[in-house]
Amino acid sequence: MNEPEQWWIGALAQDGSAHDADTLGTRVIDLGPQHPTRAGLVGLRLWWDGDIVHAAEIQPGYLHRAAEKLFEVRDYRQVLMLADRHDWQASFSGELVAAMACEQAMGLTPPPRAVWLRTLLAEVARVGSHLAFLSWAGHSLRDAELSAAIRRSRDDQRNLLLRLSGNRLHPMLSRLGGLAADVDDEWLTELDAWSGRVAGIDLAGAVARLELPDGLGNIDQNSINSHGISGPAARASGARADLRRAPGYLAYSELEWPATRTIDSGDAKGRFAQLAVEISESLALISQCAARLASVSGPVDVKLSKIIKLPDSETWLSIEAPLGVAGIHVVSRGGTTPWRFALRTPTFATVNALQSALVGTPREHLDAVIASLGWTIGDLDK
């Protein structure tokens, strides 16, 4: 086998420009200014047979955050703020799973209005995250209009969070027993306008215009099972697993799911198409949640004492985060801080699968396969 080439994903110089090969002694894959891999810090070792990938090795670990250990030296209110910074493309999802895990251990039930708001905000986070990963389509097609529309939609989503919480990127809205803030009619009107603008972006059409061969970066059912892949990457291969459809998960069981296209190709183009399908689904669910809030009144939180302790217990809880199943295993010894706070992150499994998915990929389509199985650094390297 030939000596491997060293590649970096989205590595940037201090001035924001992509490093050239002479500077790093490597090659650089730039997936566009909006793609979540733009932060860099993940490397690839690739062995080639001509212009076809013969073997691949992923090299994460250049931004090891030790998040689990940081959780374990913070009290349960501080845990929520740290969890908000875990997957920074969908911050609300991180704080949500942490809050729900602690609530399950405490036997704490949030008010109905908080449950509906959490459902709505989880879908808003999903749309924002999926748009970020679909930004590669505009970059690849050199479609400035599409890229601008995606950027505006993501900025508008962050401004909605700013209006509600005072923070654009890290809303820190979740509290044990509910939420820190409620929405008003004006905010819901702005949300509806934003949803309409996102729906007006022809994402499915953009994916159809991608000139990608069938079977590129294929992931079959065996790979899904062996790597523990979940979320849109799994559903693009025909898997139907989706925690949102399980009884008792937030308010999803009271929503009517729209009829959407089923993707089962398992390849890179199918994964992009799945993201577009799920954005359409999420917008329909957001609309239903917003309408339901008009008839669900009451508080959005439960008043708790200043000092919070979880009972001596072990708890596992998972949610359907934008990138797949995100779970937390909380072990409490009855104190104000967790004895163990272990994370199950969806893109850790997905990036493991990337090593085999890249085998057989032509050099010209390397970026497409990586973009279709993207990650955020916090979620990957916890």
Protein backbone atom coordinates (compact mmCIF):
# COMPACT_ATOMS: atom_id res chain seq x y z
CA MET A 1 0.00 0.00 0.00
CA ASN A 2 1.27 3.49 -0.83
CA GLU A 3 2.13 5.99 1.91
CA PRO A 4 -0.97 7.89 3.09
CA GLU A 5 -1.74 11.50 2.32
CA GLN A 6 -2.62 13.79 5.24
CA TRP A 7 -5.76 15.89 4.78
CA TRP A 8 -7.45 18.43 7.03
CA ILE A 9 -11.14 19.26 7.04
CA GLY A 10 -11.81 22.99 6.81
CA ALA A 11 -8.57 24.02 8.50
CA LEU A 12 -8.27 27.80 8.49
CA ALA A 13 -5.44 30.24 8.82
CA GLN A 14 -5.66 33.06 11.37
CA ASP A 15 -6.88 35.44 8.67
CA GLY A 16 -9.80 33.10 7.92
CA SER A 17 -8.41 31.80 4.63
CA ALA A 18 -7.84 28.13 3.92
CA HIS A 19 -4.27 26.97 4.52
CA ASP A 20 -2.47 25.90 1.38
CA ALA A 21 -0.71 22.56 1.07
CA ASP A 22 2.78 24.05 1.43
CA THR A 23 1.87 25.72 4.74
CA LEU A 24 0.57 22.60 6.47
CA GLY A 25 2.36 19.95 4.48
CA THR A 26 -1.11 18.55 3.87
CA ARG A 27 -4.13 18.96 1.64
CA VAL A 28 -7.21 20.85 2.80
CA ILE A 29 -10.89 20.14 2.16
CA ASP A 30 -13.01 23.27 2.43
CA LEU A 31 -16.73 22.53 2.64
CA GLY A 32 -17.79 26.16 2.51
CA PRO A 33 -17.98 29.10 4.92
CA GLN A 34 -21.23 27.99 6.57
CA HIS A 35 -20.59 24.26 6.95
CA PRO A 36 -20.08 23.17 10.59
CA THR A 37 -16.78 21.47 9.75
CA ARG A 38 -15.30 24.89 8.99
CA ALA A 39 -13.83 24.92 12.50
CA GLY A 40 -11.29 22.34 11.30
CA LEU A 41 -9.44 20.27 13.89
CA VAL A 42 -10.27 16.91 12.29
CA GLY A 43 -7.72 15.19 10.10
CA LEU A 44 -7.80 12.31 7.62
CA ARG A 45 -5.12 9.87 6.59
CA LEU A 46 -6.04 8.58 3.14
CA TRP A 47 -4.46 5.77 1.17
CA TRP A 48 -5.09 5.92 -2.58
CA ASP A 49 -5.31 3.44 -5.41
CA GLY A 50 -4.88 5.88 -8.26
CA ASP A 51 -7.62 8.46 -7.66
CA ILE A 52 -9.80 6.14 -5.55
CA VAL A 53 -9.67 5.98 -1.75
CA HIS A 54 -8.32 2.57 -0.76
CA ALA A 55 -8.42 3.09 3.03
CA ALA A 56 -9.14 5.95 5.42
CA GLU A 57 -8.33 6.81 9.01
CA ILE A 58 -10.08 9.61 10.90
CA GLN A 59 -7.98 11.66 13.32
CA PRO A 60 -10.22 13.58 15.73
CA GLY A 61 -9.01 14.77 19.10
CA TYR A 62 -7.60 18.21 18.33
CA LEU A 63 -10.28 19.94 20.40
CA HIS A 64 -10.78 17.49 23.25
CA ARG A 65 -13.17 19.29 25.59
CA ALA A 66 -13.42 16.79 28.47
CA ALA A 67 -17.08 17.82 28.69
CA GLU A 68 -18.09 14.85 30.82
CA LYS A 69 -15.54 15.72 33.51
CA LEU A 70 -16.59 19.38 33.41
CA PHE A 71 -20.22 18.34 33.98
CA GLU A 72 -19.19 16.36 37.05
CA VAL A 73 -17.80 19.36 38.94
CA ARG A 74 -20.83 21.60 38.39
CA ASP A 75 -24.19 21.70 40.09
CA TYR A 76 -27.29 20.75 38.16
CA ARG A 77 -28.17 24.31 37.14
CA GLN A 78 -24.65 24.93 35.85
CA VAL A 79 -24.80 21.62 33.97
CA LEU A 80 -27.55 23.01 31.74
CA MET A 81 -25.42 26.00 30.74
CA LEU A 82 -22.49 23.76 29.85
CA ALA A 83 -24.74 21.36 27.92
CA ASP A 84 -25.96 24.31 25.85
CA ARG A 85 -22.41 24.60 24.46
CA HIS A 86 -22.13 20.99 23.41
CA ASP A 87 -23.47 20.99 19.83
CA TRP A 88 -23.31 24.64 18.92
CA GLN A 89 -25.34 24.14 15.72
CA ALA A 90 -28.31 23.10 17.89
CA SER A 91 -27.60 24.44 21.35
CA PHE A 92 -31.16 24.01 22.60
CA SER A 93 -31.00 20.25 22.01
CA GLY A 94 -27.98 19.94 24.30
CA GLU A 95 -29.58 21.77 27.18
CA LEU A 96 -32.87 19.95 26.60
CA VAL A 97 -31.49 16.41 26.98
CA ALA A 98 -29.59 17.42 30.13
CA ALA A 99 -32.69 18.98 31.68
CA MET A 100 -34.91 16.02 30.80
CA ALA A 101 -32.43 13.49 32.20
CA CYS A 102 -32.25 15.35 35.53
CA GLU A 103 -36.04 15.76 35.62
CA GLN A 104 -36.50 12.03 35.08
CA ALA A 105 -34.19 11.30 38.02
CA MET A 106 -36.11 13.78 40.19
CA GLY A 107 -39.56 12.62 39.10
CA LEU A 108 -40.23 16.19 38.01
CA THR A 109 -42.91 16.92 35.39
CA PRO A 110 -42.78 20.27 33.54
CA PRO A 111 -46.04 22.18 32.92
CA PRO A 112 -47.93 21.42 29.66
CA ARG A 113 -47.08 24.77 28.08
CA ALA A 114 -43.37 24.15 28.72
CA VAL A 115 -43.65 20.75 27.02
CA TRP A 116 -45.19 22.31 23.90
CA LEU A 117 -42.61 25.08 23.84
CA ARG A 118 -39.78 22.59 24.21
CA THR A 119 -41.16 20.62 21.27
CA LEU A 120 -41.34 23.75 19.14
CA LEU A 121 -37.85 24.94 20.07
CA ALA A 122 -36.36 21.48 19.43
CA GLU A 123 -37.70 21.62 15.87
CA VAL A 124 -36.43 25.16 15.37
CA ALA A 125 -32.99 23.89 16.40
CA ARG A 126 -33.30 20.97 13.96
CA VAL A 127 -34.05 23.29 11.05
CA GLY A 128 -31.08 25.52 11.87
CA SER A 129 -28.72 22.56 12.14
CA HIS A 130 -29.90 20.92 8.91
CA LEU A 131 -29.59 24.22 7.03
CA ALA A 132 -25.98 24.49 8.15
CA PHE A 133 -25.12 21.06 6.74
CA LEU A 134 -27.06 21.72 3.53
CA SER A 135 -25.02 24.88 3.00
CA TRP A 136 -22.50 22.63 1.23
CA ALA A 137 -24.97 22.34 -1.66
CA GLY A 138 -24.81 26.06 -2.34
CA HIS A 139 -21.02 26.01 -1.98
CA SER A 140 -20.65 23.03 -4.33
CA LEU A 141 -23.07 24.39 -6.94
CA ARG A 142 -21.51 27.86 -6.68
CA ASP A 143 -25.06 29.11 -6.23
CA ALA A 144 -24.68 32.48 -4.52
CA GLU A 145 -28.45 32.97 -4.25
CA LEU A 146 -28.95 29.64 -2.47
CA SER A 147 -26.01 30.26 -0.14
CA ALA A 148 -27.33 33.70 0.74
CA ALA A 149 -30.83 32.36 1.42
CA ILE A 150 -29.46 29.70 3.77
CA ARG A 151 -27.28 32.24 5.56
CA ARG A 152 -30.19 34.66 6.01
CA SER A 153 -32.42 31.89 7.34
CA ARG A 154 -29.81 30.81 9.87
CA ASP A 155 -29.23 34.40 10.97
CA ASP A 156 -32.98 34.95 11.31
CA GLN A 157 -33.27 31.82 13.43
CA ARG A 158 -30.56 33.12 15.75
CA ASN A 159 -32.32 36.45 15.97
CA LEU A 160 -35.48 34.63 17.06
CA LEU A 161 -33.47 33.08 19.89
CA LEU A 162 -32.01 36.49 20.71
CA ARG A 163 -35.49 37.98 20.94
CA LEU A 164 -36.59 35.19 23.29
CA SER A 165 -33.54 34.62 25.47
CA GLY A 166 -31.05 37.45 24.95
CA ASN A 167 -28.55 35.07 23.28
CA ARG A 168 -28.16 34.33 19.58
CA LEU A 169 -26.07 31.14 19.72
CA HIS A 170 -26.52 29.76 23.22
CA PRO A 171 -30.09 30.46 24.34
CA MET A 172 -29.81 28.78 27.78
CA LEU A 173 -33.60 28.58 27.90
CA SER A 174 -33.98 25.22 29.62
CA ARG A 175 -34.46 24.99 33.35
CA LEU A 176 -35.14 22.01 35.57
CA GLY A 177 -38.91 21.84 35.41
CA GLY A 178 -39.41 23.90 32.27
CA LEU A 179 -38.07 26.99 30.55
CA ALA A 180 -36.66 30.36 31.53
CA ALA A 181 -38.93 32.38 29.22
CA ASP A 182 -42.29 32.21 27.50
CA VAL A 183 -43.15 33.34 23.98
CA ASP A 184 -45.65 36.05 23.08
CA ASP A 185 -47.86 36.56 20.04
CA GLU A 186 -45.36 38.87 18.37
CA TRP A 187 -42.61 36.24 18.64
CA LEU A 188 -44.89 33.58 17.19
CA THR A 189 -45.73 35.89 14.29
CA GLU A 190 -42.01 36.34 13.60
CA LEU A 191 -41.54 32.59 13.83
CA ASP A 192 -44.27 32.02 11.24
CA ALA A 193 -42.67 34.52 8.87
CA TRP A 194 -39.29 32.80 9.30
CA SER A 195 -40.80 29.39 8.63
CA GLY A 196 -42.34 30.70 5.43
CA ARG A 197 -38.99 32.02 4.23
CA VAL A 198 -37.26 28.70 4.92
CA ALA A 199 -40.04 26.82 3.13
CA GLY A 200 -39.46 29.08 0.13
CA ILE A 201 -35.88 27.82 -0.33
CA ASP A 202 -35.86 25.04 -2.93
CA LEU A 203 -33.59 22.72 -0.98
CA ALA A 204 -34.86 19.55 -2.64
CA GLY A 205 -34.24 21.11 -6.04
CA ALA A 206 -30.72 22.11 -5.02
CA VAL A 207 -29.95 18.55 -3.91
CA ALA A 208 -31.31 17.22 -7.21
CA ARG A 209 -28.90 19.48 -9.08
CA LEU A 210 -25.85 17.99 -7.34
CA GLU A 211 -23.90 15.96 -9.88
CA LEU A 212 -23.11 13.02 -7.63
CA PRO A 213 -22.98 9.39 -8.78
CA ASP A 214 -25.36 6.86 -7.27
CA GLY A 215 -23.86 4.78 -4.47
CA LEU A 216 -21.28 7.39 -3.49
CA GLY A 217 -20.26 6.91 0.15
CA ASN A 218 -22.87 4.21 0.62
CA ILE A 219 -23.91 3.14 4.13
CA ASP A 220 -26.01 -0.02 4.35
CA GLN A 221 -28.08 -1.46 7.19
CA ASN A 222 -25.18 -3.54 8.47
CA SER A 223 -23.05 -0.41 8.84
CA ILE A 224 -25.90 1.38 10.63
CA ASN A 225 -26.17 -1.46 13.14
CA SER A 226 -22.45 -2.05 13.64
CA HIS A 227 -21.58 1.64 14.10
CA GLY A 228 -24.73 2.67 15.97
CA ILE A 229 -25.64 5.31 13.39
CA SER A 230 -28.90 7.17 14.02
CA GLY A 231 -30.75 10.27 12.88
CA PRO A 232 -30.90 11.49 9.27
CA ALA A 233 -27.80 9.50 8.25
CA ALA A 234 -29.60 6.27 9.22
CA ARG A 235 -32.99 7.30 7.83
CA ALA A 236 -31.38 8.06 4.46
CA SER A 237 -30.51 4.35 4.32
CA GLY A 238 -34.11 3.31 4.89
CA ALA A 239 -34.08 3.04 8.69
CA ARG A 240 -37.28 4.35 10.20
CA ALA A 241 -36.05 4.79 13.78
CA ASP A 242 -37.02 8.20 15.15
CA LEU A 243 -37.44 8.77 18.90
CA ARG A 244 -39.88 11.59 18.22
CA ARG A 245 -42.45 9.00 17.17
CA ALA A 246 -42.20 7.12 20.47
CA PRO A 247 -45.10 7.62 22.92
CA GLY A 248 -44.51 10.06 25.75
CA TYR A 249 -41.67 12.04 24.15
CA LEU A 250 -42.48 15.73 24.62
CA ALA A 251 -45.66 16.62 22.68
CA TYR A 252 -44.85 14.75 19.45
CA SER A 253 -47.52 12.08 19.89
CA GLU A 254 -50.18 14.81 19.64
CA LEU A 255 -48.85 16.12 16.33
CA GLU A 256 -49.83 15.01 12.85
CA TRP A 257 -46.79 14.04 10.84
CA PRO A 258 -46.81 15.29 7.24
CA ALA A 259 -46.53 12.84 4.36
CA THR A 260 -43.01 13.21 2.98
CA ARG A 261 -40.74 11.41 0.58
CA THR A 262 -38.96 8.30 1.92
CA ILE A 263 -35.22 8.11 1.22
CA ASP A 264 -33.51 4.72 1.18
CA SER A 265 -30.54 5.08 -1.20
CA GLY A 266 -27.99 5.18 1.62
CA ASP A 267 -25.56 7.29 -0.41
CA ALA A 268 -24.27 10.85 -0.12
CA LYS A 269 -26.96 12.39 -2.29
CA GLY A 270 -29.62 10.53 -0.33
CA ARG A 271 -28.29 11.94 2.94
CA PHE A 272 -28.54 15.49 1.60
CA ALA A 273 -32.06 14.73 0.36
CA GLN A 274 -33.00 13.41 3.81
CA LEU A 275 -31.93 16.67 5.43
CA ALA A 276 -34.17 18.58 3.02
CA VAL A 277 -37.10 16.23 3.76
CA GLU A 278 -36.64 16.65 7.52
CA ILE A 279 -36.61 20.44 7.26
CA SER A 280 -40.00 20.23 5.54
CA GLU A 281 -41.27 17.93 8.30
CA SER A 282 -39.95 20.20 11.04
CA LEU A 283 -41.61 23.28 9.58
CA ALA A 284 -44.97 21.47 9.59
CA LEU A 285 -44.46 20.40 13.23
CA ILE A 286 -43.44 23.94 14.23
CA SER A 287 -46.64 25.31 12.72
CA GLN A 288 -48.76 22.84 14.68
CA CYS A 289 -46.93 23.58 17.95
CA ALA A 290 -47.38 27.32 17.48
CA ALA A 291 -51.10 26.88 16.83
CA ARG A 292 -51.51 24.65 19.89
CA LEU A 293 -49.83 27.18 22.19
CA ALA A 294 -52.80 29.49 21.68
CA SER A 295 -54.95 27.06 23.67
CA VAL A 296 -52.38 25.92 26.26
CA SER A 297 -51.95 28.50 28.98
CA GLY A 298 -50.21 28.43 32.33
CA PRO A 299 -46.63 28.66 33.59
CA VAL A 300 -43.58 27.39 31.74
CA ASP A 301 -41.58 26.33 34.80
CA VAL A 302 -41.79 24.69 38.21
CA LYS A 303 -40.49 26.73 41.13
CA LEU A 304 -37.66 24.85 42.85
CA SER A 305 -35.45 25.50 45.84
CA LYS A 306 -32.13 27.24 45.32
CA ILE A 307 -30.14 24.09 46.12
CA ILE A 308 -31.02 21.13 43.89
CA LYS A 309 -29.99 17.56 44.66
CA LEU A 310 -30.81 14.48 42.64
CA PRO A 311 -31.72 11.32 44.59
CA ASP A 312 -29.19 8.51 44.82
CA SER A 313 -29.91 6.91 41.45
CA GLU A 314 -28.85 6.04 37.90
CA THR A 315 -30.77 7.49 34.99
CA TRP A 316 -30.55 7.11 31.21
CA LEU A 317 -32.44 9.42 28.86
CA SER A 318 -32.09 10.05 25.14
CA ILE A 319 -33.65 12.43 22.64
CA GLU A 320 -33.80 12.73 18.86
CA ALA A 321 -31.26 15.52 18.39
CA PRO A 322 -30.78 16.91 14.86
CA LEU A 323 -27.81 14.63 14.16
CA GLY A 324 -29.31 11.54 15.79
CA VAL A 325 -29.78 9.97 19.20
CA ALA A 326 -28.20 12.04 21.96
CA GLY A 327 -28.28 10.46 25.38
CA ILE A 328 -27.10 11.08 28.93
CA HIS A 329 -26.36 8.60 31.70
CA VAL A 330 -26.59 10.39 35.04
CA VAL A 331 -25.30 8.72 38.18
CA SER A 332 -26.13 10.59 41.37
CA ARG A 333 -24.90 9.92 44.90
CA GLY A 334 -27.49 12.27 46.33
CA GLY A 335 -25.38 15.43 46.17
CA THR A 336 -25.58 18.73 44.30
CA THR A 337 -23.25 17.56 41.51
CA PRO A 338 -23.41 14.39 39.40
CA TRP A 339 -21.07 11.53 40.29
CA ARG A 340 -21.09 10.54 36.62
CA PHE A 341 -22.49 12.38 33.60
CA ALA A 342 -21.76 10.31 30.48
CA LEU A 343 -22.73 11.45 26.99
CA ARG A 344 -23.89 9.44 24.00
CA THR A 345 -23.18 11.68 21.03
CA PRO A 346 -24.60 10.90 17.56
CA THR A 347 -21.73 12.09 15.39
CA PHE A 348 -19.14 9.99 17.22
CA ALA A 349 -20.82 6.98 15.58
CA THR A 350 -21.27 8.74 12.25
CA VAL A 351 -17.61 9.73 11.96
CA ASN A 352 -16.56 6.16 12.77
CA ALA A 353 -18.65 5.07 9.79
CA LEU A 354 -16.98 7.69 7.60
CA GLN A 355 -13.81 5.60 7.56
CA SER A 356 -15.53 2.78 5.67
CA ALA A 357 -17.89 5.06 3.70
CA LEU A 358 -14.90 6.83 2.13
CA VAL A 359 -13.45 3.61 0.71
CA GLY A 360 -14.06 3.59 -3.03
CA THR A 361 -14.63 7.35 -3.22
CA PRO A 362 -13.08 9.16 -6.20
CA ARG A 363 -10.84 12.07 -5.33
CA GLU A 364 -13.21 14.55 -7.03
CA HIS A 365 -16.11 13.54 -4.75
CA LEU A 366 -14.25 13.31 -1.46
CA ASP A 367 -15.79 16.53 -0.18
CA ALA A 368 -19.35 15.34 -0.95
CA VAL A 369 -19.06 12.20 1.17
CA ILE A 370 -17.53 14.09 4.10
CA ALA A 371 -20.13 16.87 3.88
CA SER A 372 -22.96 14.32 3.85
CA LEU A 373 -21.67 12.78 7.11
CA GLY A 374 -20.71 16.00 8.80
CA TRP A 375 -20.27 16.69 12.48
CA THR A 376 -19.79 19.44 15.00
CA ILE A 377 -16.57 19.32 17.00
CA GLY A 378 -18.24 19.46 20.42
CA ASP A 379 -20.51 16.56 19.55
CA LEU A 380 -17.67 14.50 18.09
CA ASP A 381 -14.86 15.11 20.55
CA LYS A 382 -16.50 15.29 23.96
